[in-house]
Amino acid sequence: MTTAATHDGYRLHLEESGQGSPVVFVHEFAGDHRSWEPQLRAFARRHRCIAYAARGYPPSDVPADPAAYSQENAVRDLRSVLAACGIDRAHIVGLSMGGFAALHFGLAHPERVRSLTIAGVGYGALASGHAAFREASLQAAERFETLGSARYGPIYAAGPARVQYQNKDPRGWQAFADALCQHDATGAALTLRGVQAARPALDTLAGPLGALAAPALIIAGDEDDHALEPALFLKRTLPASGLLMLPKTGHTLNLEEPEAFNRAVLDFIAAVEAGSWTARDPRASGEVMKLS
């Protein structure tokens, strides 16, 4: 275990395991660095794995200043993690909020990315649902503040795209919910307001995303309704992307279906490192086939 210093003077908690090409895991809003345990155990057999707690998530620092929380700072924090670990380029694996951070990191620092895994992206990702997502995020922030994590955590953990996990693996879901109940309520509220509610819709970034050459794997659960259209948008926009849809699966992908998730991402990384994950063949443009 170690820490990374952010550009603005905060400390981020890191955990590391394994040797080989580096893989950095970026957690979702309802998780933290512990959420990646099934991946650390599997990936560390062949990769150097780093998971960290975002700012606002103990044991990382919890800034009291609302201005400390933003999508831009999430990108800067990921860069600080790479710097602290002495890593020039890494495979970046992100879920939900972490998937947005990974994607924005790829846009800001394409030279630091070997590949991007973008999973569960996500509610409010497109302009059509952005206002509703912003309002839902602000309401959730208020509930974390008024009820506290111990009371509101179980409610949040049983959302429409989380019950799939609860039904498949009640014990695993309970551990996930218990961990959420331990979150710092101030950090959760400020993250919801500054990172979640304020992030830009991805379809307003279609031009830069279309120029992002990094190999990308997009993963969504087919019962994570808010992630379906964004997943298709990203597949159609990112030039070197593949799309995996996990059946009968919700939002908490890496915990709900760890074997399928691990297998897909490990195979993807292996293909990238072998040089066989390439941009889409321009002949596969989706146009109507012309018969000779």
Protein backbone atom coordinates (compact mmCIF):
# COMPACT_ATOMS: atom_id res chain seq x y z
CA MET A 1 0.00 0.00 0.00
CA THR A 2 1.16 3.51 -0.79
CA THR A 3 -0.19 6.94 -1.63
CA ALA A 4 -0.15 9.38 -4.52
CA ALA A 5 -0.01 13.14 -4.11
CA THR A 6 -2.49 15.04 -6.26
CA HIS A 7 -1.71 18.29 -8.08
CA ASP A 8 -3.65 20.23 -5.43
CA GLY A 9 -2.11 18.66 -2.34
CA TYR A 10 -4.40 15.76 -1.42
CA ARG A 11 -3.40 12.13 -0.88
CA LEU A 12 -4.85 9.15 -2.70
CA HIS A 13 -4.72 5.63 -1.27
CA LEU A 14 -3.23 3.00 -3.63
CA GLU A 15 -3.05 -0.77 -3.49
CA GLU A 16 -0.81 -2.76 -5.81
CA SER A 17 -0.35 -6.42 -6.67
CA GLY A 18 1.43 -8.50 -9.31
CA GLN A 19 4.06 -7.97 -11.97
CA GLY A 20 3.96 -7.37 -15.70
CA SER A 21 2.38 -4.73 -17.89
CA PRO A 22 0.45 -2.27 -15.70
CA VAL A 23 -3.33 -2.21 -15.35
CA VAL A 24 -4.96 0.60 -13.38
CA PHE A 25 -8.50 0.14 -12.06
CA VAL A 26 -10.79 3.16 -11.55
CA HIS A 27 -13.85 2.55 -9.40
CA GLU A 28 -17.49 3.59 -9.71
CA PHE A 29 -19.36 6.04 -7.48
CA ALA A 30 -20.91 3.35 -5.25
CA GLY A 31 -17.65 1.43 -4.93
CA ASP A 32 -14.08 2.16 -3.96
CA HIS A 33 -10.68 0.51 -4.37
CA ARG A 34 -12.01 -2.62 -2.61
CA SER A 35 -14.55 -3.15 -5.39
CA TRP A 36 -11.80 -4.44 -7.67
CA GLU A 37 -10.70 -7.33 -5.43
CA PRO A 38 -11.98 -10.05 -7.84
CA GLN A 39 -10.00 -8.39 -10.62
CA LEU A 40 -6.82 -7.86 -8.61
CA ARG A 41 -6.73 -11.54 -7.71
CA ALA A 42 -7.17 -12.62 -11.35
CA PHE A 43 -5.17 -9.97 -13.20
CA ALA A 44 -2.17 -9.94 -10.83
CA ARG A 45 -1.22 -13.40 -12.08
CA ARG A 46 0.14 -11.74 -15.22
CA HIS A 47 -0.06 -7.95 -14.72
CA ARG A 48 1.04 -5.25 -12.33
CA CYS A 49 -2.31 -4.11 -10.92
CA ILE A 50 -3.08 -0.81 -9.19
CA ALA A 51 -6.40 0.12 -7.61
CA TYR A 52 -6.92 3.43 -5.83
CA ALA A 53 -9.59 5.22 -3.85
CA ALA A 54 -10.75 8.42 -5.53
CA ARG A 55 -10.65 11.70 -3.65
CA GLY A 56 -13.60 11.78 -1.26
CA TYR A 57 -13.27 8.04 -0.55
CA PRO A 58 -11.35 7.12 2.63
CA PRO A 59 -8.61 6.22 3.22
CA SER A 60 -7.91 8.79 0.50
CA ASP A 61 -8.36 12.41 1.58
CA VAL A 62 -11.86 13.89 1.66
CA PRO A 63 -11.54 17.53 0.61
CA ALA A 64 -14.10 19.86 2.21
CA ASP A 65 -13.87 22.31 -0.70
CA PRO A 66 -16.60 21.62 -3.31
CA ALA A 67 -14.30 23.05 -5.99
CA ALA A 68 -11.91 20.12 -5.43
CA TYR A 69 -14.37 17.74 -7.09
CA SER A 70 -14.63 17.73 -10.88
CA GLN A 71 -14.22 15.52 -13.93
CA GLU A 72 -11.02 17.39 -14.69
CA ASN A 73 -9.61 16.61 -11.25
CA ALA A 74 -10.58 12.95 -11.66
CA VAL A 75 -8.36 12.92 -14.77
CA ARG A 76 -5.56 14.72 -12.94
CA ASP A 77 -5.81 12.23 -10.09
CA LEU A 78 -5.43 9.29 -12.46
CA ARG A 79 -2.34 10.96 -13.89
CA SER A 80 -1.01 11.39 -10.33
CA VAL A 81 -1.51 7.68 -9.66
CA LEU A 82 0.53 6.78 -12.75
CA ALA A 83 3.24 9.21 -11.72
CA ALA A 84 3.38 7.86 -8.16
CA CYS A 85 3.79 4.34 -9.51
CA GLY A 86 6.40 5.34 -12.10
CA ILE A 87 4.17 4.19 -14.98
CA ASP A 88 4.45 5.80 -18.41
CA ARG A 89 1.60 3.90 -20.11
CA ALA A 90 -1.06 1.60 -18.73
CA HIS A 91 -4.18 -0.33 -19.54
CA ILE A 92 -6.96 1.65 -17.84
CA VAL A 93 -10.05 -0.22 -16.62
CA GLY A 94 -12.95 1.90 -15.38
CA LEU A 95 -16.52 1.23 -14.28
CA SER A 96 -19.27 3.85 -14.45
CA MET A 97 -17.80 7.01 -12.86
CA GLY A 98 -14.42 5.35 -13.30
CA GLY A 99 -15.25 4.61 -16.94
CA PHE A 100 -15.88 8.30 -17.54
CA ALA A 101 -12.57 9.12 -15.84
CA ALA A 102 -10.78 6.56 -18.01
CA LEU A 103 -12.37 7.92 -21.19
CA HIS A 104 -11.57 11.53 -20.35
CA PHE A 105 -8.04 10.50 -19.40
CA GLY A 106 -7.67 8.92 -22.84
CA LEU A 107 -8.80 12.16 -24.45
CA ALA A 108 -6.44 14.28 -22.35
CA HIS A 109 -3.42 11.94 -22.36
CA PRO A 110 -3.64 9.47 -25.26
CA GLU A 111 0.11 8.87 -25.05
CA ARG A 112 -0.31 7.42 -21.53
CA VAL A 113 -2.92 4.83 -22.57
CA ARG A 114 -2.27 1.31 -23.88
CA SER A 115 -5.96 0.46 -23.80
CA LEU A 116 -9.26 1.58 -22.29
CA THR A 117 -11.92 -0.64 -20.78
CA ILE A 118 -15.07 1.44 -20.41
CA ALA A 119 -17.76 -0.40 -18.47
CA GLY A 120 -21.21 0.73 -17.36
CA VAL A 121 -21.11 4.17 -19.03
CA GLY A 122 -23.76 5.14 -18.13
CA TYR A 123 -26.63 7.25 -16.79
CA GLY A 124 -26.56 10.81 -18.14
CA ALA A 125 -23.88 9.97 -20.70
CA LEU A 126 -25.91 11.37 -23.60
CA ALA A 127 -27.45 14.82 -23.86
CA SER A 128 -30.99 13.41 -24.04
CA GLY A 129 -30.78 12.13 -20.46
CA HIS A 130 -28.32 14.62 -19.03
CA ALA A 131 -30.81 16.92 -17.25
CA ALA A 132 -32.58 14.00 -15.56
CA PHE A 133 -29.27 12.53 -14.45
CA ARG A 134 -28.11 15.86 -13.06
CA GLU A 135 -31.29 16.20 -11.03
CA ALA A 136 -31.05 12.62 -9.75
CA SER A 137 -27.41 13.20 -8.74
CA LEU A 138 -28.26 16.37 -6.83
CA GLN A 139 -31.12 14.61 -5.04
CA ALA A 140 -28.84 11.71 -4.09
CA ALA A 141 -26.25 14.18 -2.78
CA GLU A 142 -28.86 15.74 -0.52
CA ARG A 143 -29.89 12.33 0.78
CA PHE A 144 -26.32 11.34 1.59
CA GLU A 145 -26.02 14.56 3.58
CA THR A 146 -29.36 14.33 5.39
CA LEU A 147 -29.60 10.57 5.97
CA GLY A 148 -25.92 9.66 6.06
CA SER A 149 -24.27 6.77 4.25
CA ALA A 150 -25.35 4.15 6.79
CA ARG A 151 -29.04 4.86 6.11
CA TYR A 152 -28.97 5.87 2.46
CA GLY A 153 -26.36 3.36 1.32
CA PRO A 154 -28.71 0.33 1.33
CA ILE A 155 -31.32 2.32 -0.63
CA TYR A 156 -28.77 3.35 -3.24
CA ALA A 157 -27.37 -0.18 -3.43
CA ALA A 158 -30.82 -1.56 -4.31
CA GLY A 159 -31.38 0.62 -7.38
CA PRO A 160 -32.99 -0.71 -10.59
CA ALA A 161 -29.62 -1.71 -12.09
CA ARG A 162 -28.27 -3.20 -8.83
CA VAL A 163 -31.02 -5.70 -7.98
CA GLN A 164 -29.63 -8.10 -10.59
CA TYR A 165 -26.52 -8.48 -8.43
CA GLN A 166 -28.66 -8.83 -5.30
CA ASN A 167 -30.71 -11.60 -6.88
CA LYS A 168 -27.72 -13.55 -8.26
CA ASP A 169 -25.39 -13.22 -5.30
CA PRO A 170 -27.10 -11.96 -2.12
CA ARG A 171 -23.96 -12.43 -0.05
CA GLY A 172 -21.78 -10.53 -2.51
CA TRP A 173 -24.38 -7.78 -2.85
CA GLN A 174 -24.60 -7.44 0.92
CA ALA A 175 -20.84 -6.97 1.17
CA PHE A 176 -21.09 -4.32 -1.57
CA ALA A 177 -23.94 -2.56 0.26
CA ASP A 178 -22.12 -2.75 3.60
CA ALA A 179 -19.04 -1.12 2.04
CA LEU A 180 -21.21 1.64 0.57
CA CYS A 181 -22.65 2.29 4.04
CA GLN A 182 -19.10 3.05 5.21
CA HIS A 183 -18.52 5.79 2.63
CA ASP A 184 -17.88 9.30 3.82
CA ALA A 185 -21.22 11.10 3.34
CA THR A 186 -19.56 14.46 2.65
CA GLY A 187 -17.25 12.94 0.06
CA ALA A 188 -20.18 11.15 -1.58
CA ALA A 189 -22.30 14.29 -1.75
CA LEU A 190 -19.50 16.46 -3.12
CA THR A 191 -18.59 13.77 -5.68
CA LEU A 192 -22.19 13.62 -6.85
CA ARG A 193 -22.36 17.39 -7.26
CA GLY A 194 -18.90 18.13 -8.62
CA VAL A 195 -18.06 15.04 -10.69
CA GLN A 196 -21.26 13.24 -11.55
CA ALA A 197 -23.76 16.06 -12.06
CA ALA A 198 -21.29 18.39 -13.76
CA ARG A 199 -19.65 16.04 -16.26
CA PRO A 200 -20.31 16.75 -19.96
CA ALA A 201 -22.53 14.55 -22.09
CA LEU A 202 -20.40 12.30 -24.28
CA ASP A 203 -22.25 13.09 -27.51
CA THR A 204 -21.07 16.70 -27.14
CA LEU A 205 -17.55 15.27 -27.49
CA ALA A 206 -18.15 13.18 -30.60
CA GLY A 207 -15.36 14.87 -32.56
CA PRO A 208 -12.56 14.25 -30.02
CA LEU A 209 -13.86 10.75 -29.28
CA GLY A 210 -13.84 9.93 -32.99
CA ALA A 211 -10.16 10.84 -33.10
CA LEU A 212 -9.20 8.73 -30.06
CA ALA A 213 -7.16 5.87 -31.51
CA ALA A 214 -6.62 3.91 -28.27
CA PRO A 215 -7.93 0.33 -28.31
CA ALA A 216 -11.17 0.30 -26.33
CA LEU A 217 -13.46 -2.35 -24.93
CA ILE A 218 -16.96 -1.16 -24.04
CA ILE A 219 -18.95 -3.35 -21.65
CA ALA A 220 -22.57 -3.01 -20.59
CA GLY A 221 -25.14 -5.15 -18.83
CA ASP A 222 -28.29 -5.61 -20.89
CA GLU A 223 -30.46 -4.73 -17.87
CA ASP A 224 -28.52 -1.54 -17.15
CA ASP A 225 -30.98 0.48 -19.20
CA HIS A 226 -29.15 3.80 -18.96
CA ALA A 227 -25.94 2.26 -20.32
CA LEU A 228 -27.33 0.70 -23.50
CA GLU A 229 -27.56 3.71 -25.80
CA PRO A 230 -24.26 5.21 -24.55
CA ALA A 231 -22.55 1.86 -25.21
CA LEU A 232 -23.82 1.87 -28.79
CA PHE A 233 -22.79 5.51 -29.20
CA LEU A 234 -19.27 4.75 -28.02
CA LYS A 235 -19.02 1.69 -30.26
CA ARG A 236 -20.05 3.76 -33.27
CA THR A 237 -17.72 6.64 -32.34
CA LEU A 238 -14.47 5.18 -30.99
CA PRO A 239 -12.56 3.89 -34.04
CA ALA A 240 -10.76 0.95 -32.36
CA SER A 241 -13.54 -0.22 -30.08
CA GLY A 242 -15.38 -3.45 -29.39
CA LEU A 243 -18.68 -3.84 -27.57
CA LEU A 244 -19.55 -6.61 -25.11
CA MET A 245 -23.09 -6.93 -23.76
CA LEU A 246 -23.49 -9.19 -20.72
CA PRO A 247 -26.92 -10.84 -20.61
CA LYS A 248 -29.24 -10.57 -17.61
CA THR A 249 -26.75 -8.22 -15.99
CA GLY A 250 -27.03 -4.84 -14.32
CA HIS A 251 -24.63 -2.04 -13.49
CA THR A 252 -22.24 -3.61 -10.97
CA LEU A 253 -20.59 -5.58 -13.76
CA ASN A 254 -17.25 -6.57 -12.31
CA LEU A 255 -18.78 -7.93 -9.10
CA GLU A 256 -21.98 -9.33 -10.55
CA GLU A 257 -20.27 -11.33 -13.32
CA PRO A 258 -16.59 -11.43 -12.33
CA GLU A 259 -15.62 -14.46 -14.41
CA ALA A 260 -17.12 -13.10 -17.63
CA PHE A 261 -15.71 -9.63 -16.94
CA ASN A 262 -12.22 -10.90 -16.15
CA ARG A 263 -12.09 -13.22 -19.13
CA ALA A 264 -13.23 -10.53 -21.56
CA VAL A 265 -10.86 -7.84 -20.29
CA LEU A 266 -7.86 -10.16 -20.03
CA ASP A 267 -8.46 -11.40 -23.57
CA PHE A 268 -8.83 -7.79 -24.76
CA ILE A 269 -5.55 -6.73 -23.12
CA ALA A 270 -3.79 -9.77 -24.57
CA ALA A 271 -5.06 -8.88 -28.04
CA VAL A 272 -3.88 -5.29 -27.63
CA GLU A 273 -0.44 -6.42 -26.53
CA ALA A 274 -0.25 -8.84 -29.46
CA GLY A 275 -1.08 -6.01 -31.86
CA SER A 276 -4.23 -7.74 -33.08
CA TRP A 277 -6.82 -5.29 -31.71
CA THR A 278 -6.98 -2.76 -34.52
CA ALA A 279 -9.24 -0.01 -35.78
CA ARG A 280 -12.41 -1.03 -37.56
CA ASP A 281 -11.98 -2.03 -41.18
CA PRO A 282 -13.44 0.85 -43.24
CA ARG A 283 -15.24 -1.73 -45.38
CA ALA A 284 -17.38 -2.56 -42.32
CA SER A 285 -18.98 0.88 -42.27
CA GLY A 286 -22.54 -0.34 -41.92
CA GLU A 287 -23.65 0.80 -45.35
CA VAL A 288 -25.92 -1.38 -47.43
CA MET A 289 -23.87 -4.00 -49.23
CA LYS A 290 -23.59 -3.42 -52.96
CA LEU A 291 -23.89 -6.54 -55.06
CA SER A 292 -21.67 -6.79 -58.10
